[in-house]
Amino acid sequence: MSNQVQPILPLAPVERIIRKAGADRVAEDAGVELAKVLEDYGIEISREAITLAKHAKRTTVKEEDIRLAVARIKKSS
C-alpha cells in the first residue's frame, strides 16, 4: 500500500489543464502534484473566504468572498 495521499481533485481534469497550457503529454505524477497544489491553494482561498463571510456575519460563503479572498492572498504574496 502506498503512503502517498491522493488529492481530492480528479486527475483527468487536472491533466486537461496541463494540456490546455500546451503540454502534449502529461505524466501521472505531474497531474497528482498539480492537483495537490491546486487543492492546497483552494483550501487557503476557502479559509480566507470563510473569514470574510464570518466578518460580514454570514454563514454562507458567496462569490464575492472568494473573489476578495483571492485578491487578498495575491496582495499578501
N, C-alpha and C. Protein backbone atom coordinates (compact mmCIF):
# COMPACT_ATOMS: atom_id res chain seq x y z
N MET A 1 0.85 -1.18 0.00
CA MET A 1 0.00 0.00 0.00
C MET A 1 0.89 1.24 0.00
N SER A 2 0.52 2.25 -0.76
CA SER A 2 1.30 3.48 -0.91
C SER A 2 1.00 4.44 0.24
N ASN A 3 2.04 5.15 0.68
CA ASN A 3 1.87 6.17 1.71
C ASN A 3 1.46 7.51 1.12
N GLN A 4 1.39 7.55 -0.20
CA GLN A 4 1.06 8.79 -0.90
C GLN A 4 -0.42 9.10 -0.74
N VAL A 5 -0.71 10.33 -0.31
CA VAL A 5 -2.10 10.78 -0.15
C VAL A 5 -2.59 11.29 -1.49
N GLN A 6 -3.69 10.75 -1.95
CA GLN A 6 -4.27 11.18 -3.23
C GLN A 6 -5.07 12.46 -3.02
N PRO A 7 -4.97 13.37 -3.96
CA PRO A 7 -5.73 14.62 -3.86
C PRO A 7 -7.23 14.38 -4.05
N ILE A 8 -8.01 15.36 -3.63
CA ILE A 8 -9.46 15.31 -3.79
C ILE A 8 -9.85 15.48 -5.26
N LEU A 9 -9.13 16.36 -5.95
CA LEU A 9 -9.45 16.66 -7.34
C LEU A 9 -9.19 15.46 -8.24
N PRO A 10 -10.10 15.16 -9.16
CA PRO A 10 -9.88 14.06 -10.10
C PRO A 10 -8.71 14.39 -11.04
N LEU A 11 -7.92 13.39 -11.38
CA LEU A 11 -6.73 13.62 -12.20
C LEU A 11 -7.04 14.02 -13.63
N ALA A 12 -8.09 13.49 -14.22
CA ALA A 12 -8.38 13.78 -15.64
C ALA A 12 -8.54 15.28 -15.89
N PRO A 13 -9.35 16.00 -15.12
CA PRO A 13 -9.47 17.44 -15.37
C PRO A 13 -8.17 18.20 -15.11
N VAL A 14 -7.41 17.75 -14.12
CA VAL A 14 -6.13 18.41 -13.82
C VAL A 14 -5.17 18.21 -14.99
N GLU A 15 -5.13 17.02 -15.53
CA GLU A 15 -4.28 16.75 -16.68
C GLU A 15 -4.74 17.55 -17.90
N ARG A 16 -6.04 17.76 -18.03
CA ARG A 16 -6.55 18.60 -19.14
C ARG A 16 -6.07 20.04 -18.99
N ILE A 17 -5.98 20.51 -17.75
CA ILE A 17 -5.46 21.86 -17.51
C ILE A 17 -4.03 21.96 -18.02
N ILE A 18 -3.22 20.96 -17.70
CA ILE A 18 -1.82 20.97 -18.14
C ILE A 18 -1.75 20.92 -19.67
N ARG A 19 -2.59 20.10 -20.29
CA ARG A 19 -2.62 20.03 -21.76
C ARG A 19 -3.08 21.35 -22.36
N LYS A 20 -4.06 21.97 -21.73
CA LYS A 20 -4.57 23.26 -22.22
C LYS A 20 -3.47 24.32 -22.18
N ALA A 21 -2.54 24.17 -21.24
CA ALA A 21 -1.41 25.09 -21.13
C ALA A 21 -0.36 24.82 -22.20
N GLY A 22 -0.51 23.69 -22.93
CA GLY A 22 0.39 23.44 -24.05
C GLY A 22 1.14 22.13 -24.04
N ALA A 23 1.00 21.31 -23.00
CA ALA A 23 1.71 20.03 -22.96
C ALA A 23 1.07 19.03 -23.91
N ASP A 24 1.90 18.27 -24.61
CA ASP A 24 1.40 17.19 -25.46
C ASP A 24 1.08 15.96 -24.64
N ARG A 25 1.95 15.68 -23.66
CA ARG A 25 1.77 14.51 -22.81
C ARG A 25 1.97 14.92 -21.36
N VAL A 26 1.30 14.20 -20.46
CA VAL A 26 1.37 14.52 -19.04
C VAL A 26 1.61 13.25 -18.24
N ALA A 27 2.68 13.22 -17.48
CA ALA A 27 2.94 12.08 -16.61
C ALA A 27 1.94 12.08 -15.46
N GLU A 28 1.55 10.91 -15.01
CA GLU A 28 0.55 10.83 -13.94
C GLU A 28 1.02 11.56 -12.69
N ASP A 29 2.31 11.44 -12.36
CA ASP A 29 2.79 12.10 -11.15
C ASP A 29 2.73 13.63 -11.27
N ALA A 30 2.82 14.14 -12.49
CA ALA A 30 2.69 15.59 -12.70
C ALA A 30 1.25 16.03 -12.41
N GLY A 31 0.29 15.24 -12.87
CA GLY A 31 -1.11 15.55 -12.59
C GLY A 31 -1.42 15.48 -11.11
N VAL A 32 -0.87 14.48 -10.43
CA VAL A 32 -1.08 14.33 -8.99
C VAL A 32 -0.49 15.52 -8.25
N GLU A 33 0.72 15.93 -8.65
CA GLU A 33 1.37 17.06 -7.97
C GLU A 33 0.60 18.36 -8.18
N LEU A 34 0.17 18.62 -9.41
CA LEU A 34 -0.62 19.83 -9.66
C LEU A 34 -1.93 19.79 -8.88
N ALA A 35 -2.56 18.63 -8.82
CA ALA A 35 -3.81 18.51 -8.07
C ALA A 35 -3.59 18.85 -6.60
N LYS A 36 -2.48 18.41 -6.03
CA LYS A 36 -2.17 18.74 -4.63
C LYS A 36 -1.98 20.24 -4.45
N VAL A 37 -1.25 20.86 -5.37
CA VAL A 37 -1.01 22.30 -5.29
C VAL A 37 -2.32 23.06 -5.41
N LEU A 38 -3.16 22.68 -6.37
CA LEU A 38 -4.45 23.34 -6.56
C LEU A 38 -5.34 23.16 -5.33
N GLU A 39 -5.30 21.95 -4.76
CA GLU A 39 -6.10 21.69 -3.57
C GLU A 39 -5.62 22.56 -2.40
N ASP A 40 -4.32 22.65 -2.20
CA ASP A 40 -3.78 23.48 -1.11
C ASP A 40 -4.17 24.94 -1.31
N TYR A 41 -4.06 25.43 -2.54
CA TYR A 41 -4.41 26.82 -2.83
C TYR A 41 -5.92 27.04 -2.64
N GLY A 42 -6.71 26.07 -3.05
CA GLY A 42 -8.16 26.16 -2.87
C GLY A 42 -8.56 26.20 -1.41
N ILE A 43 -7.87 25.43 -0.59
CA ILE A 43 -8.14 25.44 0.85
C ILE A 43 -7.75 26.79 1.45
N GLU A 44 -6.61 27.33 1.02
CA GLU A 44 -6.18 28.65 1.51
C GLU A 44 -7.20 29.72 1.15
N ILE A 45 -7.66 29.71 -0.09
CA ILE A 45 -8.67 30.68 -0.53
C ILE A 45 -9.97 30.48 0.26
N SER A 46 -10.37 29.25 0.43
CA SER A 46 -11.62 28.95 1.15
C SER A 46 -11.56 29.44 2.58
N ARG A 47 -10.44 29.22 3.25
CA ARG A 47 -10.32 29.67 4.64
C ARG A 47 -10.43 31.19 4.73
N GLU A 48 -9.78 31.88 3.81
CA GLU A 48 -9.86 33.35 3.80
C GLU A 48 -11.30 33.79 3.50
N ALA A 49 -11.96 33.12 2.56
CA ALA A 49 -13.34 33.46 2.22
C ALA A 49 -14.28 33.22 3.40
N ILE A 50 -14.05 32.17 4.14
CA ILE A 50 -14.87 31.88 5.33
C ILE A 50 -14.69 32.98 6.36
N THR A 51 -13.45 33.43 6.54
CA THR A 51 -13.18 34.54 7.46
C THR A 51 -13.94 35.79 7.03
N LEU A 52 -13.93 36.07 5.74
CA LEU A 52 -14.64 37.24 5.23
C LEU A 52 -16.15 37.12 5.43
N ALA A 53 -16.68 35.93 5.18
CA ALA A 53 -18.12 35.72 5.37
C ALA A 53 -18.50 35.90 6.85
N LYS A 54 -17.67 35.35 7.74
CA LYS A 54 -17.94 35.49 9.17
C LYS A 54 -17.88 36.95 9.59
N HIS A 55 -16.92 37.69 9.04
CA HIS A 55 -16.81 39.12 9.35
C HIS A 55 -18.08 39.87 8.93
N ALA A 56 -18.68 39.42 7.83
CA ALA A 56 -19.92 40.02 7.35
C ALA A 56 -21.15 39.44 8.06
N LYS A 57 -20.89 38.62 9.09
CA LYS A 57 -21.95 37.99 9.89
C LYS A 57 -22.84 37.07 9.05
N ARG A 58 -22.18 36.34 8.15
CA ARG A 58 -22.88 35.36 7.31
C ARG A 58 -22.27 33.99 7.54
N THR A 59 -23.07 32.95 7.35
CA THR A 59 -22.55 31.59 7.38
C THR A 59 -22.35 31.04 5.98
N THR A 60 -22.90 31.75 5.00
CA THR A 60 -22.78 31.34 3.60
C THR A 60 -21.62 32.05 2.94
N VAL A 61 -20.72 31.29 2.31
CA VAL A 61 -19.63 31.88 1.54
C VAL A 61 -20.18 32.21 0.16
N LYS A 62 -19.99 33.46 -0.24
CA LYS A 62 -20.51 33.91 -1.53
C LYS A 62 -19.36 34.12 -2.52
N GLU A 63 -19.75 34.28 -3.77
CA GLU A 63 -18.78 34.53 -4.84
C GLU A 63 -17.88 35.71 -4.49
N GLU A 64 -18.48 36.75 -3.95
CA GLU A 64 -17.70 37.95 -3.61
C GLU A 64 -16.64 37.64 -2.55
N ASP A 65 -16.93 36.71 -1.64
CA ASP A 65 -15.95 36.31 -0.63
C ASP A 65 -14.75 35.62 -1.28
N ILE A 66 -15.05 34.75 -2.25
CA ILE A 66 -13.98 34.05 -2.96
C ILE A 66 -13.12 35.04 -3.73
N ARG A 67 -13.77 35.93 -4.47
CA ARG A 67 -13.03 36.92 -5.25
C ARG A 67 -12.15 37.80 -4.37
N LEU A 68 -12.71 38.27 -3.26
CA LEU A 68 -11.95 39.11 -2.35
C LEU A 68 -10.81 38.32 -1.69
N ALA A 69 -11.08 37.08 -1.35
CA ALA A 69 -10.05 36.23 -0.75
C ALA A 69 -8.88 36.05 -1.70
N VAL A 70 -9.16 35.79 -2.97
CA VAL A 70 -8.09 35.64 -3.97
C VAL A 70 -7.28 36.93 -4.06
N ALA A 71 -7.96 38.05 -4.12
CA ALA A 71 -7.28 39.35 -4.21
C ALA A 71 -6.40 39.59 -2.99
N ARG A 72 -6.90 39.27 -1.81
CA ARG A 72 -6.13 39.48 -0.58
C ARG A 72 -4.92 38.57 -0.53
N ILE A 73 -5.08 37.32 -0.96
CA ILE A 73 -3.96 36.38 -0.94
C ILE A 73 -2.89 36.80 -1.95
N LYS A 74 -3.34 37.23 -3.14
CA LYS A 74 -2.38 37.70 -4.15
C LYS A 74 -1.62 38.91 -3.64
N LYS A 75 -2.32 39.82 -2.98
CA LYS A 75 -1.71 41.05 -2.48
C LYS A 75 -0.67 40.75 -1.40
N SER A 76 -0.93 39.76 -0.57
CA SER A 76 -0.01 39.44 0.53
C SER A 76 1.18 38.60 0.06
N SER A 77 1.14 38.12 -1.17
CA SER A 77 2.25 37.30 -1.67
C SER A 77 3.39 38.13 -2.18
